[in-house]
N, C-alpha and C. Protein backbone atom coordinates (compact mmCIF):
# COMPACT_ATOMS: atom_id res chain seq x y z
N UNK A 1 133.39 286.23 290.75
CA UNK A 1 133.59 285.03 292.32
C UNK A 1 134.07 284.05 292.07
N UNK A 2 135.14 283.79 292.97
CA UNK A 2 136.49 283.18 292.94
C UNK A 2 135.86 281.44 293.76
N UNK A 3 135.99 280.29 293.26
CA UNK A 3 135.30 279.14 294.26
C UNK A 3 136.71 277.98 293.99
N UNK A 4 136.84 277.40 294.86
CA UNK A 4 137.78 276.42 295.37
C UNK A 4 137.14 275.29 294.98
N UNK A 5 137.38 273.96 294.69
CA UNK A 5 137.18 272.93 294.89
C UNK A 5 138.66 272.37 295.73
N UNK A 6 138.32 271.45 296.73
CA UNK A 6 139.90 270.65 297.37
C UNK A 6 138.89 269.16 297.73
N UNK A 7 140.12 268.14 297.25
CA UNK A 7 140.22 266.69 297.55
C UNK A 7 140.65 266.78 298.44
N UNK A 8 140.56 266.51 299.87
CA UNK A 8 141.89 266.33 300.92
C UNK A 8 142.65 265.07 301.33
N UNK A 9 143.86 264.88 301.49
CA UNK A 9 144.69 264.02 301.78
C UNK A 9 145.37 264.63 302.57
N UNK A 10 146.66 263.91 303.71
CA UNK A 10 147.63 264.25 304.07
C UNK A 10 148.61 264.29 303.08
N UNK A 11 148.90 263.38 302.34
CA UNK A 11 150.03 262.98 301.24
C UNK A 11 149.96 264.20 300.25
N UNK A 12 148.07 264.22 299.50
CA UNK A 12 148.15 264.72 298.71
C UNK A 12 146.51 265.67 298.87
N UNK A 13 147.00 266.53 298.45
CA UNK A 13 145.49 267.86 298.97
C UNK A 13 145.27 268.71 297.03
N UNK A 14 144.37 268.01 296.31
CA UNK A 14 144.06 268.31 294.93
C UNK A 14 143.40 269.79 295.57
N UNK A 15 143.69 270.83 294.78
CA UNK A 15 142.57 271.51 294.57
C UNK A 15 142.18 272.63 293.07
N UNK A 16 141.04 272.89 292.91
CA UNK A 16 140.96 273.37 291.48
C UNK A 16 139.53 274.85 291.71
N UNK A 17 140.88 275.97 291.30
CA UNK A 17 140.04 277.24 291.41
C UNK A 17 139.27 277.34 290.09
N UNK A 18 138.05 278.10 290.52
CA UNK A 18 137.32 278.18 289.16
C UNK A 18 136.85 279.53 289.28
N UNK A 19 136.87 280.50 287.86
CA UNK A 19 136.40 281.82 288.44
C UNK A 19 134.96 281.20 287.71
N UNK A 20 133.48 282.07 288.44
CA UNK A 20 132.44 281.62 287.95
C UNK A 20 131.71 283.21 288.17
N UNK A 21 130.98 283.36 286.77
CA UNK A 21 130.51 284.36 285.79
C UNK A 21 129.06 284.13 285.65
N UNK A 22 128.59 284.52 286.04
CA UNK A 22 126.96 284.03 286.21
C UNK A 22 126.57 282.52 286.15
N UNK A 23 126.49 282.20 284.42
CA UNK A 23 126.38 280.90 284.58
C UNK A 23 127.92 280.08 283.76
N UNK A 24 129.12 281.09 283.47
CA UNK A 24 129.73 280.20 283.04
C UNK A 24 130.83 280.31 283.82
N UNK A 25 131.63 279.32 283.76
CA UNK A 25 133.09 279.58 284.51
C UNK A 25 134.58 279.07 283.75
N UNK A 26 135.23 279.31 284.05
CA UNK A 26 136.47 279.27 283.81
C UNK A 26 137.97 278.46 284.75
N UNK A 27 139.01 277.67 284.70
CA UNK A 27 139.23 277.15 285.62
C UNK A 27 140.86 278.30 285.48
N UNK A 28 141.06 278.58 286.61
CA UNK A 28 141.61 279.70 286.70
C UNK A 28 143.56 279.22 286.98
N UNK A 29 142.91 277.53 288.50
CA UNK A 29 144.56 277.32 288.53
C UNK A 29 143.87 275.66 289.16
N UNK A 30 144.84 275.03 288.76
CA UNK A 30 144.69 273.42 289.51
C UNK A 30 145.88 272.74 289.76
N UNK A 31 145.94 272.50 290.98
CA UNK A 31 147.61 271.45 291.31
C UNK A 31 146.77 271.15 292.46
N UNK A 32 148.27 269.99 292.82
CA UNK A 32 148.06 269.42 293.90
C UNK A 32 149.01 269.72 294.78
N UNK A 33 148.69 269.56 296.34
CA UNK A 33 150.20 270.32 297.11
C UNK A 33 150.48 268.80 297.84
N UNK A 34 151.61 268.61 297.85
CA UNK A 34 152.37 267.24 298.15
C UNK A 34 152.66 267.79 299.41
N UNK A 35 152.75 266.70 300.66
CA UNK A 35 153.47 266.96 301.86
C UNK A 35 154.49 265.62 301.80
N UNK A 36 155.82 265.98 302.52
CA UNK A 36 156.76 264.83 302.27
C UNK A 36 156.63 263.58 303.48
N UNK A 37 156.59 262.94 302.77
CA UNK A 37 156.12 261.34 303.42
C UNK A 37 157.76 261.29 304.09
N UNK A 38 157.36 261.02 305.52
CA UNK A 38 158.46 261.06 306.66
C UNK A 38 158.62 262.07 308.13
N UNK A 39 157.64 263.14 307.04
CA UNK A 39 157.79 264.16 307.91
C UNK A 39 156.64 263.97 309.02
N UNK A 40 156.71 264.59 310.34
CA UNK A 40 156.17 264.37 311.39
C UNK A 40 154.41 264.60 311.17
N UNK A 41 153.71 263.99 311.80
CA UNK A 41 152.37 264.07 310.84
C UNK A 41 151.62 265.71 310.80
N UNK A 42 151.93 266.34 312.17
CA UNK A 42 151.61 267.87 312.38
C UNK A 42 152.01 268.52 312.05
N UNK A 43 153.53 268.52 311.51
CA UNK A 43 154.11 269.28 310.45
C UNK A 43 153.17 269.18 308.98
N UNK A 44 153.29 268.19 308.68
CA UNK A 44 152.40 268.21 307.21
C UNK A 44 150.97 268.51 307.53
N UNK A 45 150.24 268.59 308.67
CA UNK A 45 149.35 269.49 308.80
C UNK A 45 149.28 271.09 308.79
N UNK A 46 150.20 271.21 309.15
CA UNK A 46 150.69 272.88 309.31
C UNK A 46 150.94 273.53 307.67
N UNK A 47 151.70 272.48 307.03
CA UNK A 47 152.30 272.74 305.84
C UNK A 47 150.75 272.75 305.19
N UNK A 48 150.30 271.96 304.53
CA UNK A 48 148.73 271.81 304.40
C UNK A 48 148.26 273.10 304.72
N UNK A 49 147.99 273.47 305.90
CA UNK A 49 147.24 274.55 305.92
C UNK A 49 148.15 276.01 305.54
N UNK A 50 149.34 276.21 305.67
CA UNK A 50 149.87 277.33 304.85
C UNK A 50 149.90 277.17 303.45
N UNK A 51 149.95 276.36 302.95
CA UNK A 51 149.94 276.36 301.51
C UNK A 51 148.29 276.42 300.47
N UNK A 52 147.54 275.89 301.95
CA UNK A 52 145.90 276.14 301.11
C UNK A 52 145.63 277.50 301.71
N UNK A 53 146.39 278.01 302.51
CA UNK A 53 146.14 279.50 302.82
C UNK A 53 146.18 280.39 301.91
N UNK A 54 147.35 280.35 301.18
CA UNK A 54 148.23 281.10 300.47
C UNK A 54 147.48 280.56 298.93
N UNK A 55 146.63 279.64 298.40
CA UNK A 55 145.90 279.05 297.27
C UNK A 55 144.65 280.25 297.33
N UNK A 56 144.21 280.43 298.82
CA UNK A 56 142.84 281.37 298.94
C UNK A 56 143.31 282.55 298.74
N UNK A 57 144.11 282.91 299.36
CA UNK A 57 144.72 284.52 299.29
C UNK A 57 145.23 284.84 297.96
N UNK A 58 145.71 283.94 297.13
CA UNK A 58 146.54 284.40 295.88
C UNK A 58 145.20 283.95 295.11
N UNK A 59 144.04 283.88 294.63
CA UNK A 59 143.08 283.92 293.96
C UNK A 59 141.70 284.44 294.56
N UNK A 60 141.58 285.06 295.83
CA UNK A 60 140.43 285.79 296.61
C UNK A 60 139.78 285.07 296.58
N UNK A 61 139.57 283.26 296.94
CA UNK A 61 138.74 282.69 296.93
C UNK A 61 137.44 282.93 297.74
N UNK A 62 136.22 282.92 297.40
CA UNK A 62 135.30 283.37 298.00
C UNK A 62 134.42 282.55 298.81
N UNK A 63 134.30 281.05 298.21
CA UNK A 63 133.53 280.14 298.46
C UNK A 63 134.35 278.97 297.92
N UNK A 64 134.29 277.92 299.14
CA UNK A 64 135.04 276.15 299.07
C UNK A 64 133.93 275.02 299.01
N UNK A 65 134.92 274.35 298.05
CA UNK A 65 133.61 272.89 298.47
C UNK A 65 134.44 271.61 298.15
N UNK A 66 133.55 271.20 299.22
CA UNK A 66 135.07 269.53 299.75
C UNK A 66 133.80 268.62 299.24
N UNK A 67 133.82 267.89 299.42
CA UNK A 67 133.40 266.31 299.47
C UNK A 67 133.00 265.97 300.66
N UNK A 68 131.79 264.98 301.19
CA UNK A 68 131.63 264.79 302.17
C UNK A 68 132.35 263.34 302.50
N UNK A 69 133.03 262.82 303.62
CA UNK A 69 133.96 262.25 303.65
C UNK A 69 132.75 260.42 303.48
N UNK A 70 133.68 259.76 302.60
CA UNK A 70 132.54 258.51 302.68
C UNK A 70 133.10 257.08 302.60
N UNK A 71 134.16 256.28 303.63
CA UNK A 71 134.91 255.52 303.67
C UNK A 71 133.99 254.41 304.52
N UNK A 72 134.15 253.46 304.04
CA UNK A 72 133.41 252.02 304.36
C UNK A 72 134.52 251.14 305.16
N UNK A 73 135.40 251.22 304.74
CA UNK A 73 136.44 250.16 304.94
C UNK A 73 137.67 250.33 305.79
N UNK A 74 138.22 251.17 305.79
CA UNK A 74 139.41 251.96 306.04
C UNK A 74 139.17 252.84 307.16
N UNK A 75 138.68 252.42 308.43
CA UNK A 75 138.71 253.38 309.37
C UNK A 75 140.23 254.35 309.88
N UNK A 76 141.15 253.98 309.80
CA UNK A 76 142.10 255.46 309.98
C UNK A 76 143.06 255.83 308.79
N UNK A 77 142.52 255.32 307.75
CA UNK A 77 142.56 256.57 306.24
C UNK A 77 141.66 257.45 306.74
N UNK A 78 140.14 257.05 306.88
CA UNK A 78 139.06 257.89 307.21
C UNK A 78 139.18 259.05 308.50
N UNK A 79 140.21 258.91 309.25
CA UNK A 79 140.87 259.69 310.17
C UNK A 79 141.61 260.88 309.43
N UNK A 80 142.74 260.20 309.30
CA UNK A 80 143.59 260.93 308.52
C UNK A 80 143.10 261.90 307.61
N UNK A 81 142.34 261.39 306.63
CA UNK A 81 141.68 262.11 305.76
C UNK A 81 141.13 262.97 306.32
N UNK A 82 139.76 263.09 307.23
CA UNK A 82 139.23 263.90 308.05
C UNK A 82 140.41 265.03 308.86
N UNK A 83 141.20 264.74 309.00
CA UNK A 83 142.18 265.76 309.57
C UNK A 83 142.74 266.58 308.93
N UNK A 84 142.91 266.45 307.23
CA UNK A 84 143.23 267.05 306.37
C UNK A 84 141.72 268.08 305.62
N UNK A 85 141.24 267.12 306.18
CA UNK A 85 139.81 268.38 305.62
C UNK A 85 139.16 269.05 306.81
N UNK A 86 139.43 269.08 308.00
CA UNK A 86 139.48 269.97 308.87
C UNK A 86 140.49 270.95 308.75
N UNK A 87 141.88 270.91 308.25
CA UNK A 87 142.97 271.78 307.66
C UNK A 87 142.10 272.59 306.81
N UNK A 88 141.52 271.76 305.76
CA UNK A 88 141.34 272.45 304.93
C UNK A 88 139.95 273.71 304.93
N UNK A 89 138.62 273.14 305.88
CA UNK A 89 137.91 273.80 306.76
C UNK A 89 138.62 275.41 307.36
N UNK A 90 139.78 275.01 308.12
CA UNK A 90 140.32 275.98 308.78
C UNK A 90 141.08 277.19 307.56
N UNK A 91 141.25 276.82 306.88
CA UNK A 91 142.43 277.69 306.07
C UNK A 91 141.45 278.26 304.60
N UNK A 92 139.98 278.02 304.84
CA UNK A 92 138.84 278.26 304.41
C UNK A 92 138.44 279.52 305.31
N UNK A 93 138.35 279.03 306.81
CA UNK A 93 137.61 280.30 307.65
C UNK A 93 138.58 281.70 308.11
N UNK A 94 139.75 281.18 307.92
CA UNK A 94 141.29 281.73 308.02
C UNK A 94 140.86 283.04 306.90
N UNK A 95 140.61 282.61 306.09
CA UNK A 95 139.99 283.61 304.88
C UNK A 95 138.97 284.05 304.63
N UNK A 96 137.79 283.85 305.55
CA UNK A 96 136.35 284.44 305.02
C UNK A 96 136.06 283.85 304.17
N UNK A 97 136.11 282.56 303.58
CA UNK A 97 135.79 281.36 302.58
C UNK A 97 134.52 281.29 303.38
N UNK A 98 133.20 281.13 302.89
CA UNK A 98 132.05 280.33 302.56
C UNK A 98 132.30 279.20 302.56
N UNK A 99 132.01 277.82 303.01
CA UNK A 99 132.22 276.28 302.86
C UNK A 99 131.36 275.68 302.72
N UNK A 100 130.91 275.26 301.47
CA UNK A 100 129.86 273.54 301.09
C UNK A 100 130.54 272.30 300.52
N UNK A 101 130.05 271.67 300.79
CA UNK A 101 129.85 270.47 301.46
C UNK A 101 129.11 269.42 300.17
N UNK A 102 129.36 268.57 299.61
CA UNK A 102 128.64 267.87 298.43
C UNK A 102 129.22 266.26 298.95
N UNK A 103 128.21 265.46 298.70
CA UNK A 103 127.77 263.96 298.44
C UNK A 103 128.98 263.32 297.27
N UNK A 104 129.42 262.14 297.52
CA UNK A 104 129.87 261.88 296.28
C UNK A 104 129.26 261.82 294.99
N UNK A 105 127.89 261.47 295.33
CA UNK A 105 127.06 261.10 294.53
C UNK A 105 126.55 262.32 293.41
N UNK A 106 126.43 263.58 294.39
CA UNK A 106 126.62 265.13 293.82
C UNK A 106 127.44 265.44 293.24
N UNK A 107 128.44 264.92 293.13
CA UNK A 107 129.78 265.56 292.08
C UNK A 107 129.82 264.60 291.25
N UNK A 108 129.37 262.89 291.07
CA UNK A 108 129.13 262.46 289.84
C UNK A 108 128.06 263.14 289.22
N UNK A 109 126.91 263.44 289.88
CA UNK A 109 125.86 263.78 289.34
C UNK A 109 125.93 265.00 288.26
N UNK A 110 126.67 266.49 288.91
CA UNK A 110 127.02 267.53 288.27
C UNK A 110 127.68 267.20 287.35
N UNK A 111 128.72 266.34 286.99
CA UNK A 111 130.15 266.50 286.29
C UNK A 111 129.46 265.86 284.83
N UNK A 112 129.12 264.31 285.22
CA UNK A 112 128.66 263.48 284.24
C UNK A 112 127.02 263.12 283.85
N UNK A 113 126.01 264.23 284.55
CA UNK A 113 124.86 263.37 284.48
C UNK A 113 124.10 262.01 284.97
N UNK A 114 125.33 261.58 285.72
CA UNK A 114 125.18 259.94 286.00
C UNK A 114 125.32 259.66 287.69
N UNK A 115 125.02 259.56 288.65
CA UNK A 115 125.21 259.44 290.01
C UNK A 115 126.08 258.34 290.18
N UNK A 116 125.90 257.81 289.19
CA UNK A 116 126.54 256.11 289.59
C UNK A 116 127.93 255.98 288.07
N UNK A 117 128.71 257.25 287.49
CA UNK A 117 130.15 257.51 287.30
C UNK A 117 130.92 256.40 287.48
N UNK A 118 132.04 256.14 286.75
CA UNK A 118 133.43 255.64 287.17
C UNK A 118 134.08 257.11 286.91
N UNK A 119 135.22 256.81 288.04
CA UNK A 119 136.30 257.65 287.95
C UNK A 119 137.35 258.30 286.84
N UNK A 120 136.91 257.37 285.78
CA UNK A 120 137.35 258.11 284.46
C UNK A 120 135.85 259.25 283.67
N UNK A 121 135.13 258.49 283.98
CA UNK A 121 133.47 259.63 283.23
C UNK A 121 133.68 260.67 283.86
N UNK A 122 133.87 260.74 285.47
CA UNK A 122 133.92 262.23 285.79
C UNK A 122 134.99 263.19 285.63
N UNK A 123 136.26 262.29 285.28
CA UNK A 123 137.66 262.86 284.52
C UNK A 123 137.46 263.49 282.59
N UNK A 124 136.58 262.39 282.53
CA UNK A 124 137.11 263.07 281.01
C UNK A 124 135.97 264.43 281.23
N UNK A 125 134.72 264.50 281.72
CA UNK A 125 133.91 265.39 281.66
C UNK A 125 134.39 266.47 282.20
N UNK A 126 135.30 266.54 283.13
CA UNK A 126 135.80 268.00 283.52
C UNK A 126 136.55 268.08 282.93
N UNK A 127 137.42 267.58 282.00
CA UNK A 127 138.45 268.09 280.79
C UNK A 127 137.42 268.42 279.99
N UNK A 128 136.56 268.05 279.43
CA UNK A 128 135.78 268.60 278.60
C UNK A 128 135.02 269.96 278.94
N UNK A 129 134.62 269.92 280.06
CA UNK A 129 133.39 270.90 280.61
C UNK A 129 134.08 272.04 280.73
N UNK A 130 135.60 271.90 281.07
CA UNK A 130 136.68 272.92 281.27
C UNK A 130 137.60 273.38 280.07
N UNK A 131 137.17 272.63 279.02
CA UNK A 131 138.11 272.74 278.04
C UNK A 131 139.38 273.10 277.89
N UNK A 132 139.89 271.63 278.98
CA UNK A 132 141.21 271.46 279.33
C UNK A 132 141.91 270.83 278.19
N UNK A 133 142.96 270.94 277.46
CA UNK A 133 143.48 269.72 276.80
C UNK A 133 143.99 268.62 277.04
N UNK A 134 143.87 268.42 278.45
CA UNK A 134 144.41 266.91 279.17
C UNK A 134 143.35 266.87 280.27
N UNK A 135 143.55 265.34 280.84
CA UNK A 135 142.67 264.96 282.42
C UNK A 135 144.03 265.70 283.48
N UNK A 136 143.40 266.72 284.28
CA UNK A 136 144.83 266.44 285.39
C UNK A 136 145.08 266.00 285.78
N UNK A 137 146.22 265.68 286.26
CA UNK A 137 146.63 264.77 287.17
C UNK A 137 147.61 265.49 288.10
N UNK A 138 147.37 264.59 289.82
CA UNK A 138 147.26 263.19 289.50
C UNK A 138 145.24 263.56 289.86
N UNK A 139 144.72 262.10 290.40
CA UNK A 139 143.46 262.39 289.96
C UNK A 139 143.25 263.13 291.33
N UNK A 140 144.07 263.18 291.87
CA UNK A 140 143.19 264.33 293.40
C UNK A 140 142.90 265.50 292.86
N UNK A 141 143.81 266.03 291.82
CA UNK A 141 143.10 267.47 291.13
C UNK A 141 141.60 267.39 290.19
N UNK A 142 141.87 266.48 289.55
CA UNK A 142 140.63 266.09 288.62
C UNK A 142 139.13 266.30 289.87
N UNK A 143 139.45 265.97 291.03
CA UNK A 143 138.36 264.92 291.70
C UNK A 143 138.16 266.61 292.16
N UNK A 144 139.06 267.28 292.73
CA UNK A 144 138.86 268.57 293.43
C UNK A 144 138.04 269.37 292.27
N UNK A 145 138.08 269.71 290.98
CA UNK A 145 138.17 270.30 289.74
C UNK A 145 136.63 269.72 289.93
N UNK A 146 136.11 268.87 290.05
CA UNK A 146 134.87 267.88 290.24
C UNK A 146 133.96 268.59 291.14
N UNK A 147 134.29 268.63 292.31
CA UNK A 147 133.83 269.15 293.08
C UNK A 147 133.41 270.67 292.90
N UNK A 148 134.07 271.51 292.55
CA UNK A 148 134.13 272.91 292.54
C UNK A 148 133.18 273.21 291.10
N UNK A 149 133.21 271.98 290.09
CA UNK A 149 131.91 272.28 289.59
C UNK A 149 130.58 271.68 289.83
N UNK A 150 130.60 270.97 290.83
CA UNK A 150 129.49 270.47 291.31
C UNK A 150 128.79 272.12 291.91
N UNK A 151 129.32 272.74 292.60
CA UNK A 151 129.07 273.74 293.22
C UNK A 151 128.96 274.87 292.50
N UNK A 152 129.55 275.10 291.58
CA UNK A 152 129.21 276.32 290.85
C UNK A 152 127.72 275.56 289.89
N UNK A 153 127.18 274.63 290.28
CA UNK A 153 126.16 274.43 289.60
C UNK A 153 125.46 274.13 290.36
N UNK A 154 125.35 273.81 291.63
CA UNK A 154 124.58 273.85 292.95
C UNK A 154 124.51 274.68 294.13
N UNK A 155 125.23 275.71 293.65
CA UNK A 155 125.69 276.63 294.79
C UNK A 155 124.29 277.35 295.46
N UNK A 156 123.32 277.80 294.64
CA UNK A 156 121.87 278.20 295.10
C UNK A 156 121.37 277.67 295.55
N UNK A 157 121.38 276.71 295.50
CA UNK A 157 120.17 275.68 296.20
C UNK A 157 120.35 274.93 297.78
N UNK A 158 122.23 275.31 298.21
CA UNK A 158 122.38 274.15 299.15
C UNK A 158 122.98 275.46 300.01
N UNK A 159 122.84 275.15 301.43
CA UNK A 159 123.25 275.98 302.65
C UNK A 159 125.07 275.77 303.22
N UNK A 160 125.53 276.66 303.34
CA UNK A 160 126.58 276.27 304.20
C UNK A 160 127.29 275.51 304.94
N UNK A 161 128.40 275.30 305.41
CA UNK A 161 128.08 274.03 306.73
C UNK A 161 129.65 275.16 307.43
């Protein structure tokens, strides 16, 4: 089974595709989708949709995992990220992938064993768990892989959204 973790954003959306077999998994692909600054907002969302749909189809993704939005400061940023998240959900629906969501606490707990882990600790563990030679960059990619790992660890006890 192929699982994708997504860290949505309008300028950058990280994704990480894992192959899951029993209790083992390996990274198949991970990268960041960039949309050009200065491009109309609706066009950026359209580009994101098509590129994510291509990822889902290329890797025959069956399940997608996204982190629940948690913003306590900038409402306008939350709205834009929410739009990108909606596009990611739509891309998953377009290919028939089942979608699951996790809190930041669940993602940190699954990757580091600590719900209050720092971003650096999560990145270190993503690299170590997946046997990567270096921490994936930009941060959005490592975050997406962390969400995918969280899903691999928790998928049996979580209902799809």
